[in-house]
């Protein structure tokens, strides 16, 4: 899960369609790896067919060759939960990135989800900044929160979590973030349908009561361009979609959208379809 999180950038499409299902299919085709080297071999073949293959394989090798990966391979879920914050620090050091870097934070979120999947919820995620993307930011605004920057978003949801823990101590930020991410840009009707399918229509109704907008929101669509940041800087690495296209026309369109539709625009990529600005 950590490796998948570290390389969840510059994908061939939406992660929930073009990345995670393919990763799942790959792992189901193989028996459970018995060593880190076996896992490395399987994943290297996968990433060799992805975008930026050389960079992603280097990141794969850097992590799986580390002492941290060796410790995680042999650790029990309880040990991982108890050392969650230390793992965050070690992961950033291993990958030679800042602790708050988006891929580091997202990799820790993936690790947290893996712990929840095996029934281990006794770990602290609050100190790790939630990766605030377009969906989370937009849903926060729709709740009426004045959002100046990502810090405002995190502060708000930390407060929400604090109140939730009074009734449900086992809930942590990953539960909350995963839900917000899924419903972040849904219309009010779609939110209702989402919760109705879970047998929780009443909760959907209560959320819809406080959500602003949703069906009449205007969406600005801007074009991509052939000139990309890697054309000038091949070592640029992971880059948000809104910063990728550096041609004059594409850049002007994105600047227009940033000014007049900062919370409701997408970039139409000729190869990958619609991209959110922070993809």
Protein backbone atom coordinates (compact mmCIF):
# COMPACT_ATOMS: atom_id res chain seq x y z
CA UNK A 1 0.00 0.00 0.00
CA UNK A 2 2.84 2.40 0.76
CA UNK A 3 4.48 1.77 -2.62
CA UNK A 4 1.16 2.27 -4.41
CA UNK A 5 0.66 5.54 -2.53
CA UNK A 6 4.16 6.79 -3.29
CA UNK A 7 3.60 6.30 -7.02
CA UNK A 8 0.02 7.57 -7.22
CA UNK A 9 0.78 10.54 -9.48
CA UNK A 10 0.79 11.34 -13.20
CA UNK A 11 -1.50 8.41 -13.95
CA UNK A 12 -3.09 7.32 -17.21
CA UNK A 13 -6.48 8.46 -15.98
CA UNK A 14 -8.48 8.74 -12.77
CA UNK A 15 -6.85 6.75 -9.98
CA UNK A 16 -10.08 4.92 -9.13
CA UNK A 17 -10.29 3.68 -12.74
CA UNK A 18 -6.81 3.58 -14.24
CA UNK A 19 -4.59 2.75 -11.26
CA UNK A 20 -6.01 1.03 -8.20
CA UNK A 21 -8.19 -1.53 -10.06
CA UNK A 22 -5.20 -2.43 -12.25
CA UNK A 23 -3.02 -2.79 -9.17
CA UNK A 24 -5.65 -5.07 -7.62
CA UNK A 25 -5.83 -7.21 -10.76
CA UNK A 26 -2.04 -7.51 -10.86
CA UNK A 27 -1.76 -8.71 -7.28
CA UNK A 28 -4.63 -11.17 -7.72
CA UNK A 29 -2.76 -12.77 -10.62
CA UNK A 30 0.14 -13.65 -8.33
CA UNK A 31 0.39 -15.62 -5.15
CA UNK A 32 1.37 -13.66 -2.04
CA UNK A 33 5.04 -12.64 -2.41
CA UNK A 34 7.35 -14.39 0.03
CA UNK A 35 10.05 -11.73 -0.07
CA UNK A 36 10.55 -8.04 -0.72
CA UNK A 37 12.55 -8.85 -3.85
CA UNK A 38 9.67 -10.87 -5.26
CA UNK A 39 7.28 -7.97 -4.62
CA UNK A 40 9.78 -5.58 -6.21
CA UNK A 41 9.93 -7.74 -9.35
CA UNK A 42 6.14 -7.88 -9.68
CA UNK A 43 5.66 -4.14 -9.20
CA UNK A 44 8.57 -3.15 -11.45
CA UNK A 45 6.86 -4.87 -14.38
CA UNK A 46 3.66 -2.98 -13.55
CA UNK A 47 5.32 0.43 -13.34
CA UNK A 48 7.34 -0.15 -16.51
CA UNK A 49 4.05 0.28 -18.39
CA UNK A 50 2.91 3.36 -16.47
CA UNK A 51 3.64 7.01 -17.14
CA UNK A 52 7.10 8.19 -16.02
CA UNK A 53 8.23 4.56 -15.65
CA UNK A 54 11.88 5.31 -14.86
CA UNK A 55 10.99 7.70 -12.05
CA UNK A 56 8.40 5.36 -10.53
CA UNK A 57 10.71 2.34 -10.66
CA UNK A 58 13.43 4.38 -8.95
CA UNK A 59 10.99 5.32 -6.21
CA UNK A 60 9.90 1.68 -5.92
CA UNK A 61 13.50 0.52 -5.54
CA UNK A 62 14.43 3.28 -3.12
CA UNK A 63 11.62 2.35 -0.75
CA UNK A 64 11.74 -1.44 -1.02
CA UNK A 65 15.53 -1.45 -0.57
CA UNK A 66 15.30 0.52 2.67
CA UNK A 67 15.53 -0.58 6.27
CA UNK A 68 12.04 0.81 6.80
CA UNK A 69 10.57 -1.52 4.18
CA UNK A 70 12.38 -4.49 5.73
CA UNK A 71 11.00 -3.59 9.18
CA UNK A 72 7.46 -3.15 7.84
CA UNK A 73 7.67 -6.48 6.01
CA UNK A 74 8.28 -8.32 9.29
CA UNK A 75 6.17 -6.17 11.65
CA UNK A 76 2.75 -7.07 13.04
CA UNK A 77 -0.15 -4.63 12.44
CA UNK A 78 -0.12 -3.65 16.13
CA UNK A 79 3.56 -2.70 15.90
CA UNK A 80 2.90 -0.63 12.78
CA UNK A 81 0.03 1.19 14.51
CA UNK A 82 2.13 1.91 17.60
CA UNK A 83 4.95 3.35 15.47
CA UNK A 84 2.78 5.16 12.94
CA UNK A 85 4.28 8.63 13.38
CA UNK A 86 7.85 7.29 13.44
CA UNK A 87 7.13 5.52 10.17
CA UNK A 88 6.02 8.85 8.69
CA UNK A 89 9.32 10.48 9.64
CA UNK A 90 11.34 7.51 8.38
CA UNK A 91 9.42 7.34 5.11
CA UNK A 92 10.13 10.99 4.33
CA UNK A 93 13.82 10.49 5.13
CA UNK A 94 13.97 7.32 3.02
CA UNK A 95 12.40 9.02 -0.01
CA UNK A 96 14.42 12.23 0.57
CA UNK A 97 11.27 14.33 0.63
CA UNK A 98 9.61 16.71 3.06
CA UNK A 99 7.23 15.04 5.53
CA UNK A 100 4.37 17.18 4.20
CA UNK A 101 5.00 16.27 0.55
CA UNK A 102 1.78 15.12 -1.07
CA UNK A 103 3.02 11.64 -2.05
CA UNK A 104 4.47 11.03 1.43
CA UNK A 105 1.25 12.04 3.15
CA UNK A 106 -0.83 10.00 0.71
CA UNK A 107 1.38 6.95 1.22
CA UNK A 108 0.77 7.24 4.97
CA UNK A 109 -2.96 7.44 4.30
CA UNK A 110 -2.66 4.22 2.28
CA UNK A 111 -0.82 2.58 5.17
CA UNK A 112 -3.56 3.71 7.53
CA UNK A 113 -6.23 2.21 5.27
CA UNK A 114 -4.30 -1.07 5.22
CA UNK A 115 -4.31 -1.08 9.03
CA UNK A 116 -8.07 -0.47 9.09
CA UNK A 117 -8.55 -3.36 6.65
CA UNK A 118 -6.97 -5.76 9.15
CA UNK A 119 -8.97 -4.35 12.06
CA UNK A 120 -6.29 -2.10 13.59
CA UNK A 121 -7.60 1.42 14.26
CA UNK A 122 -5.52 2.40 17.29
CA UNK A 123 -3.12 4.76 15.54
CA UNK A 124 -2.85 8.54 15.39
CA UNK A 125 -3.20 10.28 12.05
CA UNK A 126 -4.06 13.77 13.28
CA UNK A 127 -0.44 14.98 13.22
CA UNK A 128 -0.10 14.03 9.56
CA UNK A 129 -1.63 16.64 7.23
CA UNK A 130 -4.49 15.22 5.20
CA UNK A 131 -3.78 15.50 1.45
CA UNK A 132 -6.21 18.27 0.57
CA UNK A 133 -7.24 17.92 -3.06
CA UNK A 134 -9.97 19.58 -5.11
CA UNK A 135 -12.74 17.33 -3.80
CA UNK A 136 -11.98 17.83 -0.11
CA UNK A 137 -11.46 21.56 -0.57
CA UNK A 138 -14.68 21.99 -2.54
CA UNK A 139 -16.82 20.03 -0.07
CA UNK A 140 -15.42 22.09 2.81
CA UNK A 141 -16.47 25.28 1.02
CA UNK A 142 -19.92 23.86 0.32
CA UNK A 143 -20.36 23.42 4.06
CA UNK A 144 -19.96 27.17 4.44
CA UNK A 145 -16.37 27.21 5.68
CA UNK A 146 -14.24 30.19 4.67
CA UNK A 147 -11.24 28.53 3.03
CA UNK A 148 -8.15 30.66 2.41
CA UNK A 149 -5.67 27.81 2.21
CA UNK A 150 -5.26 24.10 2.95
CA UNK A 151 -4.56 24.85 6.60
CA UNK A 152 -8.14 26.13 6.99
CA UNK A 153 -9.45 22.87 5.51
CA UNK A 154 -7.38 20.72 7.87
CA UNK A 155 -8.29 22.81 10.90
CA UNK A 156 -12.00 22.43 10.15
CA UNK A 157 -11.90 18.66 9.70
CA UNK A 158 -9.71 18.21 12.78
CA UNK A 159 -12.48 19.95 14.71
CA UNK A 160 -15.10 17.68 13.17
CA UNK A 161 -13.06 14.63 14.10
CA UNK A 162 -12.68 15.84 17.69
CA UNK A 163 -16.47 15.99 18.04
CA UNK A 164 -16.96 12.60 16.38
CA UNK A 165 -14.52 10.97 18.78
CA UNK A 166 -16.74 11.96 21.72
CA UNK A 167 -19.28 9.42 20.46
CA UNK A 168 -17.09 7.09 18.40
CA UNK A 169 -13.53 6.95 19.80
CA UNK A 170 -12.50 4.36 17.20
CA UNK A 171 -13.04 6.80 14.31
CA UNK A 172 -9.89 8.45 12.96
CA UNK A 173 -9.15 11.00 10.24
CA UNK A 174 -8.74 8.38 7.54
CA UNK A 175 -12.36 7.27 7.98
CA UNK A 176 -13.48 10.88 7.69
CA UNK A 177 -11.19 11.84 4.82
CA UNK A 178 -12.16 8.78 2.77
CA UNK A 179 -15.85 9.66 3.07
CA UNK A 180 -15.37 13.34 2.24
CA UNK A 181 -13.26 12.43 -0.79
CA UNK A 182 -16.01 10.17 -2.16
CA UNK A 183 -18.87 12.67 -1.80
CA UNK A 184 -16.87 15.88 -2.23
CA UNK A 185 -18.13 16.92 -5.67
CA UNK A 186 -21.44 15.05 -5.77
CA UNK A 187 -24.67 16.95 -6.25
CA UNK A 188 -27.21 16.94 -3.43
CA UNK A 189 -29.19 14.25 -5.25
CA UNK A 190 -26.08 12.10 -5.70
CA UNK A 191 -25.21 12.48 -2.02
CA UNK A 192 -28.68 11.23 -1.12
CA UNK A 193 -28.32 8.28 -3.47
CA UNK A 194 -24.86 7.46 -2.11
CA UNK A 195 -26.10 7.15 1.47
CA UNK A 196 -29.36 5.45 0.44
CA UNK A 197 -27.34 2.61 -1.13
CA UNK A 198 -25.61 2.18 2.22
CA UNK A 199 -28.94 2.07 4.04
CA UNK A 200 -28.20 5.46 5.61
CA UNK A 201 -30.68 7.75 3.83
CA UNK A 202 -31.36 9.77 7.00
CA UNK A 203 -27.66 10.69 7.28
CA UNK A 204 -27.65 11.70 3.63
CA UNK A 205 -30.65 13.94 4.23
CA UNK A 206 -28.95 15.63 7.18
CA UNK A 207 -25.77 16.28 5.18
CA UNK A 208 -27.74 17.67 2.23
CA UNK A 209 -29.45 20.13 4.58
CA UNK A 210 -26.14 21.90 5.27
CA UNK A 211 -24.46 21.50 1.87
CA UNK A 212 -24.53 24.51 -0.39
CA UNK A 213 -24.95 24.27 -4.14
CA UNK A 214 -24.60 20.99 -5.92
CA UNK A 215 -26.87 20.84 -8.99
CA UNK A 216 -26.49 24.37 -10.30
CA UNK A 217 -22.73 24.64 -9.98
CA UNK A 218 -21.03 25.97 -13.14
CA UNK A 219 -18.12 23.94 -14.44
CA UNK A 220 -15.37 25.57 -16.48
CA UNK A 221 -13.53 23.27 -18.90
CA UNK A 222 -10.12 24.38 -20.16
CA UNK A 223 -7.94 22.69 -22.80
CA UNK A 224 -4.60 21.01 -22.37
CA UNK A 225 -1.58 21.71 -24.56
CA UNK A 226 1.26 19.88 -26.28
CA UNK A 227 3.98 21.79 -24.42
CA UNK A 228 4.40 20.34 -20.93
CA UNK A 229 6.70 21.06 -18.03
CA UNK A 230 8.79 17.93 -18.72
CA UNK A 231 9.61 19.35 -22.17
CA UNK A 232 11.75 21.99 -20.46
CA UNK A 233 12.60 20.15 -17.27
CA UNK A 234 12.72 16.34 -17.66
CA UNK A 235 13.48 16.00 -13.94
CA UNK A 236 10.42 17.94 -12.78
CA UNK A 237 8.87 14.79 -11.31
CA UNK A 238 5.26 14.63 -10.02
CA UNK A 239 3.41 17.81 -11.01
CA UNK A 240 -0.18 18.93 -10.51
CA UNK A 241 -2.27 19.03 -13.69
CA UNK A 242 -2.74 22.80 -13.50
CA UNK A 243 1.06 23.26 -13.54
CA UNK A 244 1.81 20.73 -16.28
CA UNK A 245 0.77 22.69 -19.39
CA UNK A 246 3.14 25.59 -20.01
CA UNK A 247 2.21 26.61 -23.55
CA UNK A 248 0.95 30.20 -23.84
CA UNK A 249 -2.67 29.37 -24.77
CA UNK A 250 -3.15 26.54 -22.25
CA UNK A 251 -1.48 28.55 -19.50
CA UNK A 252 -3.69 31.58 -20.23
CA UNK A 253 -6.83 29.43 -20.10
CA UNK A 254 -5.81 27.91 -16.77
CA UNK A 255 -5.03 31.34 -15.33
CA UNK A 256 -8.51 32.50 -16.41
CA UNK A 257 -10.13 29.48 -14.74
CA UNK A 258 -8.07 30.02 -11.57
CA UNK A 259 -9.33 33.59 -11.40
CA UNK A 260 -13.01 33.19 -12.26
CA UNK A 261 -13.73 29.50 -11.47
CA UNK A 262 -11.16 28.63 -8.79
CA UNK A 263 -13.30 25.89 -7.24
CA UNK A 264 -15.07 24.48 -10.29
CA UNK A 265 -12.88 23.89 -13.29
CA UNK A 266 -11.31 20.87 -14.96
CA UNK A 267 -8.65 20.40 -17.61
CA UNK A 268 -9.59 18.35 -20.65
CA UNK A 269 -6.59 16.21 -21.56
CA UNK A 270 -6.55 14.74 -25.07
CA UNK A 271 -5.02 11.56 -23.66
CA UNK A 272 -6.44 11.18 -20.14
CA UNK A 273 -9.81 12.88 -20.24
CA UNK A 274 -10.94 15.27 -17.52
CA UNK A 275 -8.38 16.14 -14.85
CA UNK A 276 -8.95 18.07 -11.66
CA UNK A 277 -6.40 20.89 -11.19
CA UNK A 278 -4.65 19.06 -8.34
CA UNK A 279 -4.51 15.65 -10.07
